[in-house]
């Protein structure tokens, strides 16, 4: 079998079929197989990828190799979803409001509230001394709030859970738009304005 030919950055079979873009010259089938971990005869080639007929409808040159546009779309979608996830975490990091004060939604704070509610539900924490009032710090530790009783514990926990779910849900709505996008321009036009 004839060795591949390199033309304009493309590696071609002797027949003109595109093997890979961006690879160095190969002097033998063995060099090609070693570099790609593929047997040349086993590599499938789409009908539209022949020699220089790499169409810009299906591929784009990224300066080093031809990239399938579908791969680019997946990459852009992944980046956009990561940005949305980061914004969701920022919003959760801002905490939640109770009694006109801002409280933490850090992982530790969520575990604290969840554990407290579990203790309340198990009857381990009951109204009155020594459990109440229960003093908790605000998100920035600049103030405190005294939780008066079991009912307020449950109310605070409910607000905290609703806040986290709201941020996660609003992020999911935007990520659903990203997942449904058919092209890169549509993905890039999606704005997370939360």
Protein backbone atom coordinates (compact mmCIF):
# COMPACT_ATOMS: atom_id res chain seq x y z
CA UNK A 1 0.00 0.00 0.00
CA UNK A 2 1.38 3.41 -0.94
CA UNK A 3 2.32 5.74 1.91
CA UNK A 4 0.08 8.73 2.62
CA UNK A 5 0.69 12.00 0.84
CA UNK A 6 0.74 15.35 2.67
CA UNK A 7 -0.80 18.29 0.79
CA UNK A 8 -1.72 21.67 2.28
CA UNK A 9 -1.71 20.24 5.80
CA UNK A 10 -3.89 17.24 4.86
CA UNK A 11 -2.76 13.63 5.00
CA UNK A 12 -4.20 11.82 1.99
CA UNK A 13 -4.22 8.19 0.88
CA UNK A 14 -2.72 7.62 -2.51
CA UNK A 15 -6.33 7.43 -3.74
CA UNK A 16 -6.92 11.00 -2.52
CA UNK A 17 -9.11 10.04 0.46
CA UNK A 18 -8.46 12.15 3.55
CA UNK A 19 -6.81 10.16 6.33
CA UNK A 20 -6.17 12.87 8.91
CA UNK A 21 -5.44 16.55 9.01
CA UNK A 22 -2.46 17.96 10.83
CA UNK A 23 -0.29 14.82 11.07
CA UNK A 24 3.35 14.82 10.00
CA UNK A 25 4.52 12.97 6.88
CA UNK A 26 4.56 9.18 7.22
CA UNK A 27 7.07 7.12 5.29
CA UNK A 28 5.36 3.78 5.81
CA UNK A 29 2.09 2.18 6.78
CA UNK A 30 3.79 1.14 10.03
CA UNK A 31 4.57 4.78 10.92
CA UNK A 32 0.96 5.75 10.24
CA UNK A 33 -0.44 2.82 12.25
CA UNK A 34 1.92 3.52 15.16
CA UNK A 35 1.03 7.21 15.24
CA UNK A 36 -2.73 6.76 14.96
CA UNK A 37 -3.25 3.35 16.57
CA UNK A 38 -5.46 2.52 13.59
CA UNK A 39 -5.01 0.24 10.62
CA UNK A 40 -5.26 2.34 7.49
CA UNK A 41 -7.65 0.00 5.76
CA UNK A 42 -10.04 0.08 8.76
CA UNK A 43 -10.46 3.86 8.91
CA UNK A 44 -13.96 4.88 7.73
CA UNK A 45 -14.22 8.06 5.69
CA UNK A 46 -17.46 9.94 5.07
CA UNK A 47 -18.30 10.26 1.39
CA UNK A 48 -17.95 14.06 1.47
CA UNK A 49 -14.37 13.90 2.84
CA UNK A 50 -12.30 13.29 -0.30
CA UNK A 51 -8.96 15.00 -0.81
CA UNK A 52 -9.61 18.72 -0.90
CA UNK A 53 -13.40 18.35 -0.83
CA UNK A 54 -13.48 18.95 2.90
CA UNK A 55 -16.49 21.22 2.84
CA UNK A 56 -16.91 24.20 5.12
CA UNK A 57 -20.50 23.04 5.67
CA UNK A 58 -19.17 20.06 7.65
CA UNK A 59 -15.62 21.02 8.66
CA UNK A 60 -13.56 24.03 9.55
CA UNK A 61 -9.81 24.49 9.70
CA UNK A 62 -8.71 25.50 13.22
CA UNK A 63 -5.14 26.31 12.19
CA UNK A 64 -3.82 22.87 13.01
CA UNK A 65 -6.44 20.37 11.88
CA UNK A 66 -9.84 20.01 10.26
CA UNK A 67 -12.54 19.95 12.94
CA UNK A 68 -16.00 18.54 12.39
CA UNK A 69 -18.48 21.34 12.97
CA UNK A 70 -20.62 19.01 15.09
CA UNK A 71 -17.60 18.55 17.39
CA UNK A 72 -17.24 22.33 17.60
CA UNK A 73 -20.92 22.68 18.49
CA UNK A 74 -20.56 20.11 21.27
CA UNK A 75 -17.48 21.91 22.58
CA UNK A 76 -19.23 25.31 22.58
CA UNK A 77 -22.27 23.80 24.28
CA UNK A 78 -20.05 22.28 26.96
CA UNK A 79 -18.33 25.60 27.58
CA UNK A 80 -21.65 27.46 27.80
CA UNK A 81 -23.09 24.88 30.23
CA UNK A 82 -19.95 25.19 32.39
CA UNK A 83 -20.45 28.98 32.49
CA UNK A 84 -24.09 28.48 33.51
CA UNK A 85 -23.05 26.03 36.23
CA UNK A 86 -20.46 28.53 37.52
CA UNK A 87 -23.10 31.27 37.66
CA UNK A 88 -25.46 28.91 39.50
CA UNK A 89 -22.76 28.28 42.11
CA UNK A 90 -22.17 32.03 42.43
CA UNK A 91 -25.86 32.57 43.11
CA UNK A 92 -25.97 29.77 45.66
CA UNK A 93 -22.86 31.27 47.25
CA UNK A 94 -24.78 34.51 47.84
CA UNK A 95 -26.99 32.63 50.29
CA UNK A 96 -30.66 33.12 51.15
CA UNK A 97 -32.72 35.71 52.96
CA UNK A 98 -34.61 35.19 56.22
CA UNK A 99 -35.80 37.92 58.59
CA UNK A 100 -34.24 40.55 56.29
CA UNK A 101 -30.78 39.00 56.77
CA UNK A 102 -28.61 37.01 54.39
CA UNK A 103 -27.54 33.50 55.46
CA UNK A 104 -25.01 31.12 53.94
CA UNK A 105 -25.78 28.30 51.53
CA UNK A 106 -22.24 26.89 51.59
CA UNK A 107 -21.95 23.11 51.66
CA UNK A 108 -21.27 23.29 55.39
CA UNK A 109 -24.29 25.53 56.00
CA UNK A 110 -26.55 23.21 53.98
CA UNK A 111 -25.33 20.23 56.02
CA UNK A 112 -25.92 22.19 59.23
CA UNK A 113 -29.52 23.09 58.35
CA UNK A 114 -30.22 19.57 57.09
CA UNK A 115 -28.80 18.04 60.26
CA UNK A 116 -30.76 20.44 62.44
CA UNK A 117 -34.01 19.57 60.67
CA UNK A 118 -33.21 15.87 61.02
CA UNK A 119 -32.67 16.39 64.75
CA UNK A 120 -35.95 18.34 65.02
CA UNK A 121 -37.84 15.61 63.15
CA UNK A 122 -36.30 12.96 65.40
CA UNK A 123 -37.41 14.88 68.50
CA UNK A 124 -33.81 15.54 69.56
CA UNK A 125 -34.27 19.31 69.37
CA UNK A 126 -37.41 20.68 71.02
CA UNK A 127 -38.75 24.12 71.84
CA UNK A 128 -37.36 25.89 74.85
CA UNK A 129 -34.09 25.71 76.72
CA UNK A 130 -31.44 24.49 76.19
CA UNK A 131 -32.04 24.46 72.40
CA UNK A 132 -33.68 27.84 71.82
CA UNK A 133 -33.05 30.56 71.09
CA UNK A 134 -30.52 29.25 68.59
CA UNK A 135 -28.08 31.91 67.38
CA UNK A 136 -26.85 31.69 63.76
CA UNK A 137 -24.45 33.96 61.88
CA UNK A 138 -25.25 35.81 58.68
CA UNK A 139 -23.38 34.91 55.47
CA UNK A 140 -20.64 37.48 56.08
CA UNK A 141 -20.49 36.97 59.86
CA UNK A 142 -21.32 40.64 60.39
CA UNK A 143 -24.55 39.91 62.25
CA UNK A 144 -26.46 37.14 63.99
CA UNK A 145 -30.06 36.01 64.22
CA UNK A 146 -31.79 34.17 67.04
CA UNK A 147 -33.96 31.29 65.82
CA UNK A 148 -36.90 31.26 68.25
CA UNK A 149 -38.27 27.73 67.93
CA UNK A 150 -38.74 24.53 65.92
CA UNK A 151 -41.23 26.21 63.58
CA UNK A 152 -38.65 28.84 62.62
CA UNK A 153 -36.01 26.14 62.05
CA UNK A 154 -38.37 24.45 59.60
CA UNK A 155 -39.21 27.78 57.94
CA UNK A 156 -35.54 28.72 57.52
CA UNK A 157 -34.74 25.27 56.14
CA UNK A 158 -37.65 25.54 53.70
CA UNK A 159 -36.40 28.89 52.40
CA UNK A 160 -32.84 27.57 52.04
CA UNK A 161 -33.97 24.51 50.08
CA UNK A 162 -36.28 26.56 47.86
CA UNK A 163 -33.45 29.00 47.12
CA UNK A 164 -31.03 26.25 46.07
CA UNK A 165 -33.71 24.52 43.99
CA UNK A 166 -34.64 27.83 42.37
CA UNK A 167 -31.05 28.53 41.30
CA UNK A 168 -30.51 24.97 40.06
CA UNK A 169 -33.84 25.01 38.22
CA UNK A 170 -33.19 28.35 36.54
CA UNK A 171 -29.78 27.07 35.41
CA UNK A 172 -31.37 23.93 34.01
CA UNK A 173 -33.83 25.99 31.94
CA UNK A 174 -30.95 27.88 30.32
CA UNK A 175 -28.90 24.70 29.80
CA UNK A 176 -31.92 23.11 28.11
CA UNK A 177 -31.84 26.01 25.62
CA UNK A 178 -28.13 25.32 25.05
CA UNK A 179 -28.71 21.59 24.55
CA UNK A 180 -31.50 22.32 22.04
CA UNK A 181 -29.40 24.77 20.00
CA UNK A 182 -28.68 23.60 16.46
CA UNK A 183 -25.61 25.73 15.75
CA UNK A 184 -22.77 27.63 17.40
CA UNK A 185 -24.30 31.07 16.75
CA UNK A 186 -27.47 30.07 18.60
CA UNK A 187 -25.47 28.80 21.58
CA UNK A 188 -23.38 31.98 21.70
CA UNK A 189 -26.55 34.11 21.61
CA UNK A 190 -27.92 32.48 24.79
CA UNK A 191 -27.47 34.81 27.76
CA UNK A 192 -27.54 33.83 31.42
CA UNK A 193 -28.92 37.03 32.91
CA UNK A 194 -29.79 35.65 36.32
